Amino acid sequence: MRIPDEWQNSPVFLYPSEHDAHEGTKTGGSGFLLGFDSERIPGMQTVYLVTNAHVIEGGNCTARVNKLDGTSDVIDLDEREWITPSSGDDIAIFKMSRFLSRDVHSYVCVPNRMIATREKVAEFGIGPGDETVTIGRFINADGMRRNTPTVRFGNIAQMPIEPIEQDRFLIGSTKRYRQESYLVESKSISGFSGSLVFAHLSPMSKRPENKPHSWETFLLGISWGYIMAWEPVEGAGDGARVRTNTGMMGVVPAWVLSDLLMRPDISTARSVGEDQHLQWQAFSGRSTE
């Protein structure tokens, strides 16, 4: 399938340091921008950078965002401002609104209305076989000084029925977590962690009666990594085994992100930001009279 070009302007690349970001070092992970639409102020969005918690836990808190002039902007993000869910799910968000300018940066936000909530998954019958699009960072060819996202295609292979055991490789340690996950048949490697994953539903998929033949695209979730398996080494003896990539990607369901965005403290922070915007508008209106 041919994807809309603007989709490739949502990913953000994450690095351990400003030096790594400027040099395009082959380390770090992916993220993407999500815009939460205001219900009170038409056209206003609160912009969040979304990635995996394990990407941030690994020390990758420097973002590289493309600019309109063909270069990129490197933004060092305070690790204390990242927000993760108390559930331990492998996602993290950072409020990016104050760092971005439409006059300077080239970016597109995934709107919150595209999130595949539990209700939308049930309504549209999202399930095994539906097409997926993953857009993130292929560290072998990701652009030296400007983000060049890579697109991978696949299909939903398993719905989030039972959690998948996940190894989180942190600085100097490893911890395990059972992560609620879609399984997506789409090969992934290090660097794609934190990538956005869309579900692109064809007219042949189940549809509500009022949309029987429409194409629909939803934010299915956030890629957290690839599923590994241990395979015996033929002829090596002594039970020798090697880790192999099964071709299955683990994806944190987007409803986990939705639940986090609707958490009372985060909702309140958005409301405060909207109040400040309205106050600024009122002040600007008085000052120009």
C-alpha atoms as a PDB file:
ATOM      1  CA  MET A   1       0.000   0.000   0.000  1.00  0.00           C
ATOM      2  CA  ARG A   2       1.090   3.581  -0.655  1.00  0.00           C
ATOM      3  CA  ILE A   3       1.051   5.611   2.561  1.00  0.00           C
ATOM      4  CA  PRO A   4       0.425   9.375   2.777  1.00  0.00           C
ATOM      5  CA  ASP A   5       3.758  11.210   2.702  1.00  0.00           C
ATOM      6  CA  GLU A   6       2.827  13.342   5.717  1.00  0.00           C
ATOM      7  CA  TRP A   7       2.800  10.276   7.955  1.00  0.00           C
ATOM      8  CA  GLN A   8       6.596  10.262   7.778  1.00  0.00           C
ATOM      9  CA  ASN A   9       6.733  13.661   9.505  1.00  0.00           C
ATOM     10  CA  SER A  10       5.468  12.332  12.827  1.00  0.00           C
ATOM     11  CA  PRO A  11       8.492  10.246  13.963  1.00  0.00           C
ATOM     12  CA  VAL A  12      11.114  11.764  16.250  1.00  0.00           C
ATOM     13  CA  PHE A  13      14.501  10.132  16.801  1.00  0.00           C
ATOM     14  CA  LEU A  14      15.868   9.777  20.343  1.00  0.00           C
ATOM     15  CA  TYR A  15      19.528   9.715  21.369  1.00  0.00           C
ATOM     16  CA  PRO A  16      21.580   9.437  24.580  1.00  0.00           C
ATOM     17  CA  SER A  17      23.121  12.920  24.142  1.00  0.00           C
ATOM     18  CA  GLU A  18      23.163  16.070  22.039  1.00  0.00           C
ATOM     19  CA  HIS A  19      26.500  14.993  20.573  1.00  0.00           C
ATOM     20  CA  ASP A  20      25.017  11.670  19.437  1.00  0.00           C
ATOM     21  CA  ALA A  21      22.036  13.452  17.886  1.00  0.00           C
ATOM     22  CA  HIS A  22      24.202  15.955  15.991  1.00  0.00           C
ATOM     23  CA  GLU A  23      26.477  13.196  14.716  1.00  0.00           C
ATOM     24  CA  GLY A  24      23.673  10.766  13.868  1.00  0.00           C
ATOM     25  CA  THR A  25      25.194   8.056  16.067  1.00  0.00           C
ATOM     26  CA  LYS A  26      23.701   4.595  15.501  1.00  0.00           C
ATOM     27  CA  THR A  27      22.179   4.312  18.943  1.00  0.00           C
ATOM     28  CA  GLY A  28      18.938   5.219  20.695  1.00  0.00           C
ATOM     29  CA  GLY A  29      15.326   4.694  19.664  1.00  0.00           C
ATOM     30  CA  SER A  30      12.207   6.105  18.067  1.00  0.00           C
ATOM     31  CA  GLY A  31       9.296   8.244  19.143  1.00  0.00           C
ATOM     32  CA  PHE A  32       6.426  10.084  17.510  1.00  0.00           C
ATOM     33  CA  LEU A  33       4.313  13.188  17.995  1.00  0.00           C
ATOM     34  CA  LEU A  34       0.689  12.993  19.083  1.00  0.00           C
ATOM     35  CA  GLY A  35      -1.635  15.975  19.189  1.00  0.00           C
ATOM     36  CA  PHE A  36      -4.423  16.039  21.773  1.00  0.00           C
ATOM     37  CA  ASP A  37      -7.217  18.224  20.409  1.00  0.00           C
ATOM     38  CA  SER A  38      -8.750  20.811  22.709  1.00  0.00           C
ATOM     39  CA  GLU A  39     -12.511  20.567  23.152  1.00  0.00           C
ATOM     40  CA  ARG A  40     -12.703  24.249  24.173  1.00  0.00           C
ATOM     41  CA  ILE A  41     -10.376  25.983  21.698  1.00  0.00           C
ATOM     42  CA  PRO A  42     -10.817  25.135  17.998  1.00  0.00           C
ATOM     43  CA  GLY A  43      -7.534  24.227  16.315  1.00  0.00           C
ATOM     44  CA  MET A  44      -5.534  24.005  19.535  1.00  0.00           C
ATOM     45  CA  GLN A  45      -3.546  20.855  20.259  1.00  0.00           C
ATOM     46  CA  THR A  46      -1.365  19.802  23.172  1.00  0.00           C
ATOM     47  CA  VAL A  47       1.584  18.045  21.559  1.00  0.00           C
ATOM     48  CA  TYR A  48       3.164  15.018  23.226  1.00  0.00           C
ATOM     49  CA  LEU A  49       6.240  13.036  22.300  1.00  0.00           C
ATOM     50  CA  VAL A  50       5.458   9.329  22.746  1.00  0.00           C
ATOM     51  CA  THR A  51       7.953   6.482  23.063  1.00  0.00           C
ATOM     52  CA  ASN A  52       8.684   3.411  25.189  1.00  0.00           C
ATOM     53  CA  ALA A  53       9.538   3.709  28.869  1.00  0.00           C
ATOM     54  CA  HIS A  54      12.528   1.430  28.284  1.00  0.00           C
ATOM     55  CA  VAL A  55      13.928   3.858  25.705  1.00  0.00           C
ATOM     56  CA  ILE A  56      13.906   6.623  28.323  1.00  0.00           C
ATOM     57  CA  GLU A  57      15.117   4.292  31.072  1.00  0.00           C
ATOM     58  CA  GLY A  58      18.067   3.556  28.777  1.00  0.00           C
ATOM     59  CA  GLY A  59      19.076   7.217  28.900  1.00  0.00           C
ATOM     60  CA  ASN A  60      17.782   8.333  25.486  1.00  0.00           C
ATOM     61  CA  CYS A  61      16.345  11.735  26.381  1.00  0.00           C
ATOM     62  CA  THR A  62      17.620  13.892  23.503  1.00  0.00           C
ATOM     63  CA  ALA A  63      15.201  14.371  20.609  1.00  0.00           C
ATOM     64  CA  ARG A  64      15.997  15.187  16.993  1.00  0.00           C
ATOM     65  CA  VAL A  65      13.182  16.870  15.032  1.00  0.00           C
ATOM     66  CA  ASN A  66      13.274  17.868  11.361  1.00  0.00           C
ATOM     67  CA  LYS A  67      13.199  21.533  10.358  1.00  0.00           C
ATOM     68  CA  LEU A  68      11.596  23.236   7.383  1.00  0.00           C
ATOM     69  CA  ASP A  69      14.999  24.269   6.006  1.00  0.00           C
ATOM     70  CA  GLY A  70      16.062  20.648   5.463  1.00  0.00           C
ATOM     71  CA  THR A  71      18.177  20.334   8.610  1.00  0.00           C
ATOM     72  CA  SER A  72      17.171  19.121  12.080  1.00  0.00           C
ATOM     73  CA  ASP A  73      16.812  20.554  15.558  1.00  0.00           C
ATOM     74  CA  VAL A  74      18.308  18.809  18.587  1.00  0.00           C
ATOM     75  CA  ILE A  75      16.342  19.219  21.819  1.00  0.00           C
ATOM     76  CA  ASP A  76      17.651  18.039  25.185  1.00  0.00           C
ATOM     77  CA  LEU A  77      14.620  16.916  27.230  1.00  0.00           C
ATOM     78  CA  ASP A  78      14.645  16.923  31.026  1.00  0.00           C
ATOM     79  CA  GLU A  79      14.313  13.281  32.063  1.00  0.00           C
ATOM     80  CA  ARG A  80      12.303  14.368  35.119  1.00  0.00           C
ATOM     81  CA  GLU A  81       9.486  15.619  32.874  1.00  0.00           C
ATOM     82  CA  TRP A  82       8.827  12.279  31.224  1.00  0.00           C
ATOM     83  CA  ILE A  83       5.585  10.636  32.400  1.00  0.00           C
ATOM     84  CA  THR A  84       5.056   6.886  32.587  1.00  0.00           C
ATOM     85  CA  PRO A  85       1.991   4.931  33.753  1.00  0.00           C
ATOM     86  CA  SER A  86       1.950   3.537  37.277  1.00  0.00           C
ATOM     87  CA  SER A  87       0.932   0.188  35.751  1.00  0.00           C
ATOM     88  CA  GLY A  88       4.485  -0.309  34.479  1.00  0.00           C
ATOM     89  CA  ASP A  89       3.376  -0.479  30.834  1.00  0.00           C
ATOM     90  CA  ASP A  90       6.193   0.263  28.417  1.00  0.00           C
ATOM     91  CA  ILE A  91       5.212   3.757  27.273  1.00  0.00           C
ATOM     92  CA  ALA A  92       6.355   7.265  28.154  1.00  0.00           C
ATOM     93  CA  ILE A  93       5.136  10.716  27.143  1.00  0.00           C
ATOM     94  CA  PHE A  94       6.674  14.182  27.203  1.00  0.00           C
ATOM     95  CA  LYS A  95       4.800  17.457  26.676  1.00  0.00           C
ATOM     96  CA  MET A  96       6.510  18.932  23.601  1.00  0.00           C
ATOM     97  CA  SER A  97       4.296  21.912  22.769  1.00  0.00           C
ATOM     98  CA  ARG A  98       6.716  24.574  24.017  1.00  0.00           C
ATOM     99  CA  PHE A  99       9.644  23.195  21.974  1.00  0.00           C
ATOM    100  CA  LEU A 100       7.968  23.156  18.563  1.00  0.00           C
ATOM    101  CA  SER A 101       7.124  25.922  16.104  1.00  0.00           C
ATOM    102  CA  ARG A 102       5.231  25.610  12.824  1.00  0.00           C
ATOM    103  CA  ASP A 103       7.482  28.367  11.468  1.00  0.00           C
ATOM    104  CA  VAL A 104      10.637  26.350  12.187  1.00  0.00           C
ATOM    105  CA  HIS A 105       9.895  22.630  12.420  1.00  0.00           C
ATOM    106  CA  SER A 106       8.547  20.143   9.886  1.00  0.00           C
ATOM    107  CA  TYR A 107       6.234  17.820  11.771  1.00  0.00           C
ATOM    108  CA  VAL A 108       2.805  16.206  11.770  1.00  0.00           C
ATOM    109  CA  CYS A 109       0.968  15.068  14.886  1.00  0.00           C
ATOM    110  CA  VAL A 110      -1.080  11.894  15.042  1.00  0.00           C
ATOM    111  CA  PRO A 111      -4.445  13.220  16.331  1.00  0.00           C
ATOM    112  CA  ASN A 112      -5.794  11.625  19.492  1.00  0.00           C
ATOM    113  CA  ARG A 113      -9.027  10.795  17.644  1.00  0.00           C
ATOM    114  CA  MET A 114      -7.046   8.162  15.686  1.00  0.00           C
ATOM    115  CA  ILE A 115      -6.231   6.150  18.820  1.00  0.00           C
ATOM    116  CA  ALA A 116      -7.581   2.610  18.610  1.00  0.00           C
ATOM    117  CA  THR A 117      -9.372   2.543  21.947  1.00  0.00           C
ATOM    118  CA  ARG A 118     -10.983  -0.643  23.199  1.00  0.00           C
ATOM    119  CA  GLU A 119     -14.315   0.692  21.955  1.00  0.00           C
ATOM    120  CA  LYS A 120     -12.999   1.361  18.435  1.00  0.00           C
ATOM    121  CA  VAL A 121     -11.303  -2.032  18.262  1.00  0.00           C
ATOM    122  CA  ALA A 122     -14.654  -3.653  19.030  1.00  0.00           C
ATOM    123  CA  GLU A 123     -16.681  -1.333  16.779  1.00  0.00           C
ATOM    124  CA  PHE A 124     -14.488  -1.821  13.723  1.00  0.00           C
ATOM    125  CA  GLY A 125     -13.655  -5.439  14.402  1.00  0.00           C
ATOM    126  CA  ILE A 126      -9.909  -4.837  14.320  1.00  0.00           C
ATOM    127  CA  GLY A 127      -8.245  -8.226  14.399  1.00  0.00           C
ATOM    128  CA  PRO A 128      -5.803 -10.755  12.925  1.00  0.00           C
ATOM    129  CA  GLY A 129      -4.977 -10.145   9.296  1.00  0.00           C
ATOM    130  CA  ASP A 130      -5.583  -6.406   9.295  1.00  0.00           C
ATOM    131  CA  GLU A 131      -2.721  -4.514   7.674  1.00  0.00           C
ATOM    132  CA  THR A 132      -0.223  -2.552   9.753  1.00  0.00           C
ATOM    133  CA  VAL A 133       2.238   0.246   9.015  1.00  0.00           C
ATOM    134  CA  THR A 134       5.196   0.891  11.342  1.00  0.00           C
ATOM    135  CA  ILE A 135       7.169   4.111  10.927  1.00  0.00           C
ATOM    136  CA  GLY A 136      10.357   4.553  12.880  1.00  0.00           C
ATOM    137  CA  ARG A 137      14.108   4.525  12.932  1.00  0.00           C
ATOM    138  CA  PHE A 138      16.167   2.018  10.948  1.00  0.00           C
ATOM    139  CA  ILE A 139      19.501   2.854  12.543  1.00  0.00           C
ATOM    140  CA  ASN A 140      21.473   1.450   9.602  1.00  0.00           C
ATOM    141  CA  ALA A 141      20.013   4.165   7.333  1.00  0.00           C
ATOM    142  CA  ASP A 142      18.350   6.895   9.389  1.00  0.00           C
ATOM    143  CA  GLY A 143      19.981  10.078   8.103  1.00  0.00           C
ATOM    144  CA  MET A 144      23.142  11.661   9.454  1.00  0.00           C
ATOM    145  CA  ARG A 145      21.835  15.141  10.264  1.00  0.00           C
ATOM    146  CA  ARG A 146      18.156  14.871   9.395  1.00  0.00           C
ATOM    147  CA  ASN A 147      15.650  12.197  10.382  1.00  0.00           C
ATOM    148  CA  THR A 148      14.906   9.782   7.564  1.00  0.00           C
ATOM    149  CA  PRO A 149      12.145   7.447   8.846  1.00  0.00           C
ATOM    150  CA  THR A 150      11.709   3.932   7.504  1.00  0.00           C
ATOM    151  CA  VAL A 151       8.362   2.254   6.911  1.00  0.00           C
ATOM    152  CA  ARG A 152       7.702  -1.438   7.622  1.00  0.00           C
ATOM    153  CA  PHE A 153       4.528  -3.244   6.642  1.00  0.00           C
ATOM    154  CA  GLY A 154       2.824  -6.239   8.217  1.00  0.00           C
ATOM    155  CA  ASN A 155      -0.342  -7.698   9.669  1.00  0.00           C
ATOM    156  CA  ILE A 156      -1.867  -8.184  13.080  1.00  0.00           C
ATOM    157  CA  ALA A 157      -1.001 -11.755  14.067  1.00  0.00           C
ATOM    158  CA  GLN A 158      -2.462 -11.932  17.585  1.00  0.00           C
ATOM    159  CA  MET A 159      -4.680  -9.727  19.684  1.00  0.00           C
ATOM    160  CA  PRO A 160      -3.744  -8.665  23.258  1.00  0.00           C
ATOM    161  CA  ILE A 161      -5.168 -11.722  24.989  1.00  0.00           C
ATOM    162  CA  GLU A 162      -2.347 -12.731  27.329  1.00  0.00           C
ATOM    163  CA  PRO A 163       0.650 -10.525  28.214  1.00  0.00           C
ATOM    164  CA  ILE A 164       3.944 -11.192  26.439  1.00  0.00           C
ATOM    165  CA  GLU A 165       7.105 -11.528  28.500  1.00  0.00           C
ATOM    166  CA  GLN A 166       9.408  -8.642  27.682  1.00  0.00           C
ATOM    167  CA  ASP A 167      13.069  -8.159  28.540  1.00  0.00           C
ATOM    168  CA  ARG A 168      13.909  -4.539  29.254  1.00  0.00           C
ATOM    169  CA  PHE A 169      17.602  -3.972  28.687  1.00  0.00           C
ATOM    170  CA  LEU A 170      18.654  -1.026  30.802  1.00  0.00           C
ATOM    171  CA  ILE A 171      22.025   0.505  31.565  1.00  0.00           C
ATOM    172  CA  GLY A 172      23.881  -2.217  33.454  1.00  0.00           C
ATOM    173  CA  SER A 173      20.873  -4.473  34.049  1.00  0.00           C
ATOM    174  CA  THR A 174      17.934  -6.369  32.593  1.00  0.00           C
ATOM    175  CA  LYS A 175      14.449  -6.659  34.008  1.00  0.00           C
ATOM    176  CA  ARG A 176      11.431  -8.617  32.851  1.00  0.00           C
ATOM    177  CA  TYR A 177       7.872  -7.427  32.500  1.00  0.00           C
ATOM    178  CA  ARG A 178       4.731  -9.062  31.172  1.00  0.00           C
ATOM    179  CA  GLN A 179       3.458  -6.510  28.678  1.00  0.00           C
ATOM    180  CA  GLU A 180      -0.077  -6.444  27.288  1.00  0.00           C
ATOM    181  CA  SER A 181       0.650  -6.602  23.564  1.00  0.00           C
ATOM    182  CA  TYR A 182      -0.517  -7.074  20.046  1.00  0.00           C
ATOM    183  CA  LEU A 183       1.696  -9.415  18.060  1.00  0.00           C
ATOM    184  CA  VAL A 184       2.350  -8.000  14.613  1.00  0.00           C
ATOM    185  CA  GLU A 185       4.013  -9.977  11.846  1.00  0.00           C
ATOM    186  CA  SER A 186       6.498  -7.293  10.887  1.00  0.00           C
ATOM    187  CA  LYS A 187      10.201  -7.716  11.466  1.00  0.00           C
ATOM    188  CA  SER A 188      11.843  -5.176  13.741  1.00  0.00           C
ATOM    189  CA  ILE A 189      15.315  -4.490  15.090  1.00  0.00           C
ATOM    190  CA  SER A 190      16.867  -2.239  17.721  1.00  0.00           C
ATOM    191  CA  GLY A 191      16.064   1.387  16.975  1.00  0.00           C
ATOM    192  CA  PHE A 192      12.405   0.839  16.143  1.00  0.00           C
ATOM    193  CA  SER A 193      11.437   0.762  19.818  1.00  0.00           C
ATOM    194  CA  GLY A 194       8.926   3.548  20.383  1.00  0.00           C
ATOM    195  CA  SER A 195       7.722   3.609  16.770  1.00  0.00           C
ATOM    196  CA  LEU A 196       4.103   4.339  15.938  1.00  0.00           C
ATOM    197  CA  VAL A 197       2.107   1.429  14.511  1.00  0.00           C
ATOM    198  CA  PHE A 198      -0.977   2.136  12.417  1.00  0.00           C
ATOM    199  CA  ALA A 199      -3.712  -0.360  11.615  1.00  0.00           C
ATOM    200  CA  HIS A 200      -4.953   0.255   8.084  1.00  0.00           C
ATOM    201  CA  LEU A 201      -8.278  -1.485   7.631  1.00  0.00           C
ATOM    202  CA  SER A 202      -9.468  -2.428   4.164  1.00  0.00           C
ATOM    203  CA  PRO A 203     -13.115  -2.318   3.029  1.00  0.00           C
ATOM    204  CA  MET A 204     -13.171  -6.107   3.423  1.00  0.00           C
ATOM    205  CA  SER A 205     -12.709  -5.787   7.181  1.00  0.00           C
ATOM    206  CA  LYS A 206     -15.714  -5.718   9.475  1.00  0.00           C
ATOM    207  CA  ARG A 207     -17.335  -2.277   9.498  1.00  0.00           C
ATOM    208  CA  PRO A 208     -20.111  -0.471  11.319  1.00  0.00           C
ATOM    209  CA  GLU A 209     -23.303  -0.476   9.247  1.00  0.00           C
ATOM    210  CA  ASN A 210     -22.935   3.232   8.439  1.00  0.00           C
ATOM    211  CA  LYS A 211     -19.409   2.723   7.013  1.00  0.00           C
ATOM    212  CA  PRO A 212     -19.621  -0.547   5.075  1.00  0.00           C
ATOM    213  CA  HIS A 213     -17.001   0.220   2.409  1.00  0.00           C
ATOM    214  CA  SER A 214     -14.689   2.788   3.981  1.00  0.00           C
ATOM    215  CA  TRP A 215     -10.963   2.630   4.561  1.00  0.00           C
ATOM    216  CA  GLU A 216      -9.995   3.511   8.124  1.00  0.00           C
ATOM    217  CA  THR A 217      -6.634   4.118   9.769  1.00  0.00           C
ATOM    218  CA  PHE A 218      -6.077   3.924  13.512  1.00  0.00           C
ATOM    219  CA  LEU A 219      -3.096   4.270  15.813  1.00  0.00           C
ATOM    220  CA  LEU A 220      -2.856   0.632  16.841  1.00  0.00           C
ATOM    221  CA  GLY A 221      -0.075   1.137  19.370  1.00  0.00           C
ATOM    222  CA  ILE A 222       3.616   1.617  20.106  1.00  0.00           C
ATOM    223  CA  SER A 223       6.235  -0.929  19.060  1.00  0.00           C
ATOM    224  CA  TRP A 224       8.220  -2.140  22.051  1.00  0.00           C
ATOM    225  CA  GLY A 225      10.512  -4.582  20.247  1.00  0.00           C
ATOM    226  CA  TYR A 226      10.828  -7.900  18.511  1.00  0.00           C
ATOM    227  CA  ILE A 227      10.104 -11.322  19.944  1.00  0.00           C
ATOM    228  CA  MET A 228      13.144 -13.577  20.219  1.00  0.00           C
ATOM    229  CA  ALA A 229      13.377 -17.367  20.387  1.00  0.00           C
ATOM    230  CA  TRP A 230      16.155 -19.782  21.211  1.00  0.00           C
ATOM    231  CA  GLU A 231      16.951 -22.213  18.409  1.00  0.00           C
ATOM    232  CA  PRO A 232      19.342 -25.203  18.624  1.00  0.00           C
ATOM    233  CA  VAL A 233      22.544 -24.972  16.590  1.00  0.00           C
ATOM    234  CA  GLU A 234      22.573 -27.984  14.326  1.00  0.00           C
ATOM    235  CA  GLY A 235      25.689 -30.093  14.749  1.00  0.00           C
ATOM    236  CA  ALA A 236      27.127 -27.969  17.545  1.00  0.00           C
ATOM    237  CA  GLY A 237      26.228 -30.405  20.332  1.00  0.00           C
ATOM    238  CA  ASP A 238      26.142 -29.711  24.071  1.00  0.00           C
ATOM    239  CA  GLY A 239      22.741 -28.100  23.744  1.00  0.00           C
ATOM    240  CA  ALA A 240      24.150 -25.056  21.974  1.00  0.00           C
ATOM    241  CA  ARG A 241      21.455 -22.527  21.053  1.00  0.00           C
ATOM    242  CA  VAL A 242      21.286 -19.165  19.328  1.00  0.00           C
ATOM    243  CA  ARG A 243      18.767 -16.340  19.683  1.00  0.00           C
ATOM    244  CA  THR A 244      16.737 -15.652  16.551  1.00  0.00           C
ATOM    245  CA  ASN A 245      14.274 -12.976  15.520  1.00  0.00           C
ATOM    246  CA  THR A 246      10.878 -14.653  15.131  1.00  0.00           C
ATOM    247  CA  GLY A 247       9.572 -11.922  12.825  1.00  0.00           C
ATOM    248  CA  MET A 248       6.971 -10.975  15.430  1.00  0.00           C
ATOM    249  CA  MET A 249       6.869  -7.462  16.822  1.00  0.00           C
ATOM    250  CA  GLY A 250       5.373  -6.628  20.221  1.00  0.00           C
ATOM    251  CA  VAL A 251       3.092  -3.577  20.261  1.00  0.00           C
ATOM    252  CA  VAL A 252       1.729  -1.824  23.358  1.00  0.00           C
ATOM    253  CA  PRO A 253      -2.007  -1.237  22.661  1.00  0.00           C
ATOM    254  CA  ALA A 254      -2.863   2.391  21.973  1.00  0.00           C
ATOM    255  CA  TRP A 255      -5.591   2.268  24.604  1.00  0.00           C
ATOM    256  CA  VAL A 256      -2.791   2.180  27.209  1.00  0.00           C
ATOM    257  CA  LEU A 257      -1.662   5.532  25.805  1.00  0.00           C
ATOM    258  CA  SER A 258      -5.250   6.812  25.830  1.00  0.00           C
ATOM    259  CA  ASP A 259      -5.659   5.808  29.484  1.00  0.00           C
ATOM    260  CA  LEU A 260      -2.447   7.650  30.371  1.00  0.00           C
ATOM    261  CA  LEU A 261      -3.465  10.804  28.491  1.00  0.00           C
ATOM    262  CA  MET A 262      -6.793  10.843  30.331  1.00  0.00           C
ATOM    263  CA  ARG A 263      -5.190  10.461  33.762  1.00  0.00           C
ATOM    264  CA  PRO A 264      -6.538  13.228  36.027  1.00  0.00           C
ATOM    265  CA  ASP A 265      -3.222  15.021  36.564  1.00  0.00           C
ATOM    266  CA  ILE A 266      -2.450  15.047  32.832  1.00  0.00           C
ATOM    267  CA  SER A 267      -5.971  16.181  31.916  1.00  0.00           C
ATOM    268  CA  THR A 268      -5.707  18.968  34.507  1.00  0.00           C
ATOM    269  CA  ALA A 269      -2.367  20.104  33.069  1.00  0.00           C
ATOM    270  CA  ARG A 270      -3.969  20.370  29.624  1.00  0.00           C
ATOM    271  CA  SER A 271      -6.840  22.422  31.046  1.00  0.00           C
ATOM    272  CA  VAL A 272      -4.386  24.778  32.755  1.00  0.00           C
ATOM    273  CA  GLY A 273      -2.555  25.217  29.460  1.00  0.00           C
ATOM    274  CA  GLU A 274      -5.826  26.036  27.701  1.00  0.00           C
ATOM    275  CA  ASP A 275      -6.724  28.560  30.406  1.00  0.00           C
ATOM    276  CA  GLN A 276      -3.353  30.258  29.944  1.00  0.00           C
ATOM    277  CA  HIS A 277      -3.897  30.343  26.182  1.00  0.00           C
ATOM    278  CA  LEU A 278      -7.315  31.957  26.598  1.00  0.00           C
ATOM    279  CA  GLN A 279      -5.858  34.510  29.004  1.00  0.00           C
ATOM    280  CA  TRP A 280      -3.116  35.318  26.500  1.00  0.00           C
ATOM    281  CA  GLN A 281      -5.709  35.733  23.744  1.00  0.00           C
ATOM    282  CA  ALA A 282      -7.731  38.087  25.923  1.00  0.00           C
ATOM    283  CA  PHE A 283      -4.649  40.104  26.832  1.00  0.00           C
ATOM    284  CA  SER A 284      -3.519  40.278  23.187  1.00  0.00           C
ATOM    285  CA  GLY A 285      -6.981  41.447  22.144  1.00  0.00           C
ATOM    286  CA  ARG A 286      -6.941  44.293  24.697  1.00  0.00           C
ATOM    287  CA  SER A 287      -3.418  45.316  23.802  1.00  0.00           C
ATOM    288  CA  THR A 288      -4.270  45.816  20.122  1.00  0.00           C
ATOM    289  CA  GLU A 289      -7.379  47.956  20.726  1.00  0.00           C
END
